[in-house]
Protein backbone atom coordinates (compact mmCIF):
# COMPACT_ATOMS: atom_id res chain seq x y z
CA UNK A 1 -6.10 37.73 24.45
CA UNK A 2 -5.68 40.41 26.47
CA UNK A 3 -1.83 40.00 27.36
CA UNK A 4 -1.62 39.90 23.63
CA UNK A 5 -4.07 43.35 22.95
CA UNK A 6 -0.97 44.82 25.45
CA UNK A 7 2.10 43.52 23.44
CA UNK A 8 0.27 44.94 19.91
CA UNK A 9 -0.23 48.06 22.15
CA UNK A 10 3.35 48.18 23.45
CA UNK A 11 4.74 47.80 19.96
CA UNK A 12 2.77 50.10 18.14
CA UNK A 13 3.98 52.43 21.01
CA UNK A 14 8.03 51.92 20.70
CA UNK A 15 7.71 50.59 23.99
CA UNK A 16 10.39 47.44 24.53
CA UNK A 17 9.27 46.08 27.98
CA UNK A 18 5.60 45.27 29.79
CA UNK A 19 5.46 45.29 33.76
CA UNK A 20 2.89 43.67 35.32
CA UNK A 21 2.50 43.72 39.08
CA UNK A 22 0.60 41.16 41.18
CA UNK A 23 0.63 39.68 44.87
CA UNK A 24 2.26 36.19 45.82
CA UNK A 25 -1.45 34.95 47.13
CA UNK A 26 -2.46 35.39 43.49
CA UNK A 27 -0.86 32.16 42.36
CA UNK A 28 -2.85 31.74 39.31
CA UNK A 29 -1.93 35.31 37.88
CA UNK A 30 1.92 34.36 38.74
CA UNK A 31 1.47 31.06 36.83
CA UNK A 32 -0.15 33.40 33.78
CA UNK A 33 2.69 35.30 33.67
CA UNK A 34 5.49 32.78 33.89
CA UNK A 35 3.54 31.11 30.91
CA UNK A 36 3.46 34.09 29.00
CA UNK A 37 7.70 34.74 28.89
CA UNK A 38 7.15 37.29 31.97
CA UNK A 39 10.21 36.94 34.34
CA UNK A 40 9.70 37.78 37.76
CA UNK A 41 12.62 40.75 38.88
CA UNK A 42 11.21 41.89 41.92
CA UNK A 43 9.57 40.78 45.42
CA UNK A 44 8.88 43.35 48.02
CA UNK A 45 7.57 43.45 51.71
CA UNK A 46 5.56 46.11 52.89
CA UNK A 47 4.08 47.01 49.29
CA UNK A 48 0.77 46.95 51.11
CA UNK A 49 0.43 48.44 54.18
CA UNK A 50 -3.18 47.43 54.67
CA UNK A 51 -2.47 43.61 54.23
CA UNK A 52 1.64 43.49 55.27
CA UNK A 53 1.77 40.07 54.62
CA UNK A 54 1.36 39.91 51.07
CA UNK A 55 4.46 40.36 48.86
CA UNK A 56 4.36 42.73 45.79
CA UNK A 57 5.80 40.62 42.37
CA UNK A 58 6.79 42.39 39.32
CA UNK A 59 6.82 40.57 36.10
CA UNK A 60 8.80 41.91 33.21
CA UNK A 61 8.67 40.82 29.64
CA UNK A 62 10.48 42.29 26.31
CA UNK A 63 8.47 42.92 23.79
CA UNK A 64 9.70 42.86 20.16
């Protein structure tokens, strides 16, 4: 329901795309975003100086 609310919020403001960030260690979030139609577009090493082993994952979804 939270993702649906975010999509509604974005549409009401004329946004065309949502972007969410997670880490490679959060498999449950990755599955959720993939199932909700988000596409992984960016994987970045070194994004988190205090946990250098974690990768930053950026997921995007068009809203319409």
